Amino acid sequence: MLVFEYGKTKQEALSNLCIKMIREYPDESFSTDSAKVSDYGNEGSDKRYVAEFQV
């Protein structure tokens, strides 16, 4: 399963993904080094970047 979160910056997207992983998948081994961050939306958008992690 692919878990993802969005953010205005790459760091915010990773931070949001961390929070989601801790809350929804506390037993999964997770590291931000294993997450992939990609461009997603338009510049200035709240969903500018997406961070993804394969569970």
PDB file of N, CA and C in Angstrom:
ATOM      1  N   MET A   1       0.846  -1.172   0.000  1.00  0.00           N
ATOM      2  CA  MET A   1       0.000   0.000   0.000  1.00  0.00           C
ATOM      3  C   MET A   1       0.894   1.238   0.000  1.00  0.00           C
ATOM      4  N   LEU A   2       0.495   2.234  -0.759  1.00  0.00           N
ATOM      5  CA  LEU A   2       1.221   3.488  -0.841  1.00  0.00           C
ATOM      6  C   LEU A   2       0.567   4.504   0.090  1.00  0.00           C
ATOM      7  N   VAL A   3       1.364   5.078   0.985  1.00  0.00           N
ATOM      8  CA  VAL A   3       0.881   6.106   1.913  1.00  0.00           C
ATOM      9  C   VAL A   3       1.468   7.431   1.433  1.00  0.00           C
ATOM     10  N   PHE A   4       0.652   8.489   1.395  1.00  0.00           N
ATOM     11  CA  PHE A   4       1.148   9.767   0.897  1.00  0.00           C
ATOM     12  C   PHE A   4       0.538  10.932   1.658  1.00  0.00           C
ATOM     13  N   GLU A   5       1.253  12.056   1.629  1.00  0.00           N
ATOM     14  CA  GLU A   5       0.793  13.314   2.217  1.00  0.00           C
ATOM     15  C   GLU A   5       1.349  14.454   1.380  1.00  0.00           C
ATOM     16  N   TYR A   6       0.695  15.602   1.464  1.00  0.00           N
ATOM     17  CA  TYR A   6       1.057  16.770   0.670  1.00  0.00           C
ATOM     18  C   TYR A   6       1.638  17.870   1.553  1.00  0.00           C
ATOM     19  N   GLY A   7       2.301  18.849   0.914  1.00  0.00           N
ATOM     20  CA  GLY A   7       2.810  20.006   1.627  1.00  0.00           C
ATOM     21  C   GLY A   7       3.191  21.121   0.672  1.00  0.00           C
ATOM     22  N   LYS A   8       3.338  22.330   1.222  1.00  0.00           N
ATOM     23  CA  LYS A   8       3.753  23.487   0.417  1.00  0.00           C
ATOM     24  C   LYS A   8       5.230  23.392   0.053  1.00  0.00           C
ATOM     25  N   THR A   9       6.013  22.754   0.944  1.00  0.00           N
ATOM     26  CA  THR A   9       7.436  22.546   0.701  1.00  0.00           C
ATOM     27  C   THR A   9       7.730  21.056   0.801  1.00  0.00           C
ATOM     28  N   LYS A  10       8.906  20.656   0.335  1.00  0.00           N
ATOM     29  CA  LYS A  10       9.292  19.242   0.433  1.00  0.00           C
ATOM     30  C   LYS A  10       9.354  18.818   1.900  1.00  0.00           C
ATOM     31  N   GLN A  11       9.910  19.684   2.741  1.00  0.00           N
ATOM     32  CA  GLN A  11      10.036  19.366   4.162  1.00  0.00           C
ATOM     33  C   GLN A  11       8.668  19.236   4.826  1.00  0.00           C
ATOM     34  N   GLU A  12       7.733  20.096   4.471  1.00  0.00           N
ATOM     35  CA  GLU A  12       6.384  20.017   5.040  1.00  0.00           C
ATOM     36  C   GLU A  12       5.689  18.725   4.612  1.00  0.00           C
ATOM     37  N   ALA A  13       5.870  18.330   3.371  1.00  0.00           N
ATOM     38  CA  ALA A  13       5.272  17.078   2.892  1.00  0.00           C
ATOM     39  C   ALA A  13       5.836  15.887   3.673  1.00  0.00           C
ATOM     40  N   LEU A  14       7.150  15.872   3.904  1.00  0.00           N
ATOM     41  CA  LEU A  14       7.772  14.804   4.695  1.00  0.00           C
ATOM     42  C   LEU A  14       7.279  14.820   6.135  1.00  0.00           C
ATOM     43  N   SER A  15       7.168  16.002   6.710  1.00  0.00           N
ATOM     44  CA  SER A  15       6.689  16.132   8.078  1.00  0.00           C
ATOM     45  C   SER A  15       5.257  15.623   8.208  1.00  0.00           C
ATOM     46  N   ASN A  16       4.411  15.995   7.263  1.00  0.00           N
ATOM     47  CA  ASN A  16       3.022  15.526   7.274  1.00  0.00           C
ATOM     48  C   ASN A  16       2.952  14.010   7.121  1.00  0.00           C
ATOM     49  N   LEU A  17       3.840  13.453   6.289  1.00  0.00           N
ATOM     50  CA  LEU A  17       3.883  12.000   6.113  1.00  0.00           C
ATOM     51  C   LEU A  17       4.328  11.319   7.408  1.00  0.00           C
ATOM     52  N   CYS A  18       5.308  11.892   8.090  1.00  0.00           N
ATOM     53  CA  CYS A  18       5.771  11.349   9.381  1.00  0.00           C
ATOM     54  C   CYS A  18       4.623  11.288  10.379  1.00  0.00           C
ATOM     55  N   ILE A  19       3.892  12.361  10.486  1.00  0.00           N
ATOM     56  CA  ILE A  19       2.764  12.427  11.420  1.00  0.00           C
ATOM     57  C   ILE A  19       1.729  11.363  11.075  1.00  0.00           C
ATOM     58  N   LYS A  20       1.428  11.233   9.795  1.00  0.00           N
ATOM     59  CA  LYS A  20       0.447  10.234   9.358  1.00  0.00           C
ATOM     60  C   LYS A  20       0.934   8.816   9.670  1.00  0.00           C
ATOM     61  N   MET A  21       2.210   8.544   9.430  1.00  0.00           N
ATOM     62  CA  MET A  21       2.760   7.204   9.690  1.00  0.00           C
ATOM     63  C   MET A  21       2.695   6.873  11.182  1.00  0.00           C
ATOM     64  N   ILE A  22       3.022   7.823  12.029  1.00  0.00           N
ATOM     65  CA  ILE A  22       2.996   7.596  13.477  1.00  0.00           C
ATOM     66  C   ILE A  22       1.577   7.337  13.959  1.00  0.00           C
ATOM     67  N   ARG A  23       0.624   8.099  13.449  1.00  0.00           N
ATOM     68  CA  ARG A  23      -0.770   7.960  13.894  1.00  0.00           C
ATOM     69  C   ARG A  23      -1.470   6.732  13.324  1.00  0.00           C
ATOM     70  N   GLU A  24      -1.284   6.474  12.037  1.00  0.00           N
ATOM     71  CA  GLU A  24      -2.061   5.427  11.370  1.00  0.00           C
ATOM     72  C   GLU A  24      -1.328   4.095  11.213  1.00  0.00           C
ATOM     73  N   TYR A  25      -0.001   4.123  11.236  1.00  0.00           N
ATOM     74  CA  TYR A  25       0.790   2.901  11.044  1.00  0.00           C
ATOM     75  C   TYR A  25       1.917   2.828  12.079  1.00  0.00           C
ATOM     76  N   PRO A  26       1.581   2.828  13.373  1.00  0.00           N
ATOM     77  CA  PRO A  26       2.618   2.889  14.411  1.00  0.00           C
ATOM     78  C   PRO A  26       3.556   1.677  14.435  1.00  0.00           C
ATOM     79  N   ASP A  27       3.136   0.554  13.896  1.00  0.00           N
ATOM     80  CA  ASP A  27       3.973  -0.650  13.923  1.00  0.00           C
ATOM     81  C   ASP A  27       4.884  -0.781  12.707  1.00  0.00           C
ATOM     82  N   GLU A  28       4.740   0.104  11.745  1.00  0.00           N
ATOM     83  CA  GLU A  28       5.569   0.050  10.536  1.00  0.00           C
ATOM     84  C   GLU A  28       6.919   0.725  10.775  1.00  0.00           C
ATOM     85  N   SER A  29       7.956   0.145  10.204  1.00  0.00           N
ATOM     86  CA  SER A  29       9.281   0.748  10.238  1.00  0.00           C
ATOM     87  C   SER A  29       9.304   1.863   9.187  1.00  0.00           C
ATOM     88  N   PHE A  30       9.585   3.090   9.607  1.00  0.00           N
ATOM     89  CA  PHE A  30       9.533   4.226   8.691  1.00  0.00           C
ATOM     90  C   PHE A  30      10.717   5.151   8.906  1.00  0.00           C
ATOM     91  N   SER A  31      11.276   5.624   7.807  1.00  0.00           N
ATOM     92  CA  SER A  31      12.342   6.615   7.834  1.00  0.00           C
ATOM     93  C   SER A  31      12.095   7.599   6.693  1.00  0.00           C
ATOM     94  N   THR A  32      12.332   8.870   6.944  1.00  0.00           N
ATOM     95  CA  THR A  32      12.134   9.853   5.880  1.00  0.00           C
ATOM     96  C   THR A  32      13.117   9.612   4.733  1.00  0.00           C
ATOM     97  N   ASP A  33      14.228   8.931   5.006  1.00  0.00           N
ATOM     98  CA  ASP A  33      15.186   8.599   3.947  1.00  0.00           C
ATOM     99  C   ASP A  33      14.579   7.634   2.930  1.00  0.00           C
ATOM    100  N   SER A  34      13.589   6.866   3.360  1.00  0.00           N
ATOM    101  CA  SER A  34      12.940   5.885   2.486  1.00  0.00           C
ATOM    102  C   SER A  34      11.758   6.476   1.716  1.00  0.00           C
ATOM    103  N   ALA A  35      11.361   7.677   2.061  1.00  0.00           N
ATOM    104  CA  ALA A  35      10.210   8.316   1.410  1.00  0.00           C
ATOM    105  C   ALA A  35      10.656   9.029   0.133  1.00  0.00           C
ATOM    106  N   LYS A  36       9.764   9.089  -0.823  1.00  0.00           N
ATOM    107  CA  LYS A  36      10.021   9.776  -2.085  1.00  0.00           C
ATOM    108  C   LYS A  36       9.183  11.052  -2.114  1.00  0.00           C
ATOM    109  N   VAL A  37       9.819  12.188  -2.415  1.00  0.00           N
ATOM    110  CA  VAL A  37       9.102  13.466  -2.510  1.00  0.00           C
ATOM    111  C   VAL A  37       9.142  13.932  -3.961  1.00  0.00           C
ATOM    112  N   SER A  38       7.972  14.261  -4.491  1.00  0.00           N
ATOM    113  CA  SER A  38       7.860  14.677  -5.893  1.00  0.00           C
ATOM    114  C   SER A  38       7.048  15.960  -6.010  1.00  0.00           C
ATOM    115  N   ASP A  39       7.270  16.677  -7.122  1.00  0.00           N
ATOM    116  CA  ASP A  39       6.414  17.821  -7.447  1.00  0.00           C
ATOM    117  C   ASP A  39       5.015  17.300  -7.687  1.00  0.00           C
ATOM    118  N   TYR A  40       4.018  18.080  -7.294  1.00  0.00           N
ATOM    119  CA  TYR A  40       2.638  17.636  -7.481  1.00  0.00           C
ATOM    120  C   TYR A  40       1.768  18.731  -8.084  1.00  0.00           C
ATOM    121  N   GLY A  41       1.661  19.864  -7.402  1.00  0.00           N
ATOM    122  CA  GLY A  41       0.729  20.908  -7.838  1.00  0.00           C
ATOM    123  C   GLY A  41       1.440  22.117  -8.399  1.00  0.00           C
ATOM    124  N   ASN A  42       0.680  23.182  -8.537  1.00  0.00           N
ATOM    125  CA  ASN A  42       1.216  24.442  -9.045  1.00  0.00           C
ATOM    126  C   ASN A  42       1.958  25.189  -7.948  1.00  0.00           C
ATOM    127  N   GLU A  43       2.873  26.066  -8.360  1.00  0.00           N
ATOM    128  CA  GLU A  43       3.601  26.874  -7.396  1.00  0.00           C
ATOM    129  C   GLU A  43       2.626  27.709  -6.581  1.00  0.00           C
ATOM    130  N   GLY A  44       2.856  27.784  -5.263  1.00  0.00           N
ATOM    131  CA  GLY A  44       1.972  28.537  -4.380  1.00  0.00           C
ATOM    132  C   GLY A  44       0.808  27.722  -3.858  1.00  0.00           C
ATOM    133  N   SER A  45       0.650  26.527  -4.365  1.00  0.00           N
ATOM    134  CA  SER A  45      -0.445  25.653  -3.940  1.00  0.00           C
ATOM    135  C   SER A  45      -0.131  25.021  -2.588  1.00  0.00           C
ATOM    136  N   ASP A  46      -1.169  24.722  -1.799  1.00  0.00           N
ATOM    137  CA  ASP A  46      -0.977  24.008  -0.533  1.00  0.00           C
ATOM    138  C   ASP A  46      -0.507  22.578  -0.781  1.00  0.00           C
ATOM    139  N   LYS A  47      -0.761  22.080  -1.968  1.00  0.00           N
ATOM    140  CA  LYS A  47      -0.363  20.718  -2.329  1.00  0.00           C
ATOM    141  C   LYS A  47       0.704  20.769  -3.425  1.00  0.00           C
ATOM    142  N   ARG A  48       1.779  21.503  -3.174  1.00  0.00           N
ATOM    143  CA  ARG A  48       2.862  21.683  -4.152  1.00  0.00           C
ATOM    144  C   ARG A  48       3.704  20.418  -4.290  1.00  0.00           C
ATOM    145  N   TYR A  49       3.930  19.710  -3.185  1.00  0.00           N
ATOM    146  CA  TYR A  49       4.749  18.494  -3.182  1.00  0.00           C
ATOM    147  C   TYR A  49       3.976  17.345  -2.560  1.00  0.00           C
ATOM    148  N   VAL A  50       4.327  16.128  -2.960  1.00  0.00           N
ATOM    149  CA  VAL A  50       3.731  14.931  -2.374  1.00  0.00           C
ATOM    150  C   VAL A  50       4.873  14.034  -1.898  1.00  0.00           C
ATOM    151  N   ALA A  51       4.750  13.545  -0.660  1.00  0.00           N
ATOM    152  CA  ALA A  51       5.703  12.589  -0.095  1.00  0.00           C
ATOM    153  C   ALA A  51       5.018  11.232  -0.066  1.00  0.00           C
ATOM    154  N   GLU A  52       5.717  10.197  -0.548  1.00  0.00           N
ATOM    155  CA  GLU A  52       5.140   8.857  -0.654  1.00  0.00           C
ATOM    156  C   GLU A  52       6.024   7.835   0.045  1.00  0.00           C
ATOM    157  N   PHE A  53       5.370   6.834   0.617  1.00  0.00           N
ATOM    158  CA  PHE A  53       6.091   5.743   1.271  1.00  0.00           C
ATOM    159  C   PHE A  53       5.331   4.448   1.042  1.00  0.00           C
ATOM    160  N   GLN A  54       6.041   3.408   0.627  1.00  0.00           N
ATOM    161  CA  GLN A  54       5.426   2.103   0.385  1.00  0.00           C
ATOM    162  C   GLN A  54       5.393   1.303   1.685  1.00  0.00           C
ATOM    163  N   VAL A  55       4.185   0.943   2.137  1.00  0.00           N
ATOM    164  CA  VAL A  55       4.009   0.155   3.372  1.00  0.00           C
ATOM    165  C   VAL A  55       3.901  -1.301   3.001  1.00  0.00           C
TER     166      VAL A  55
END
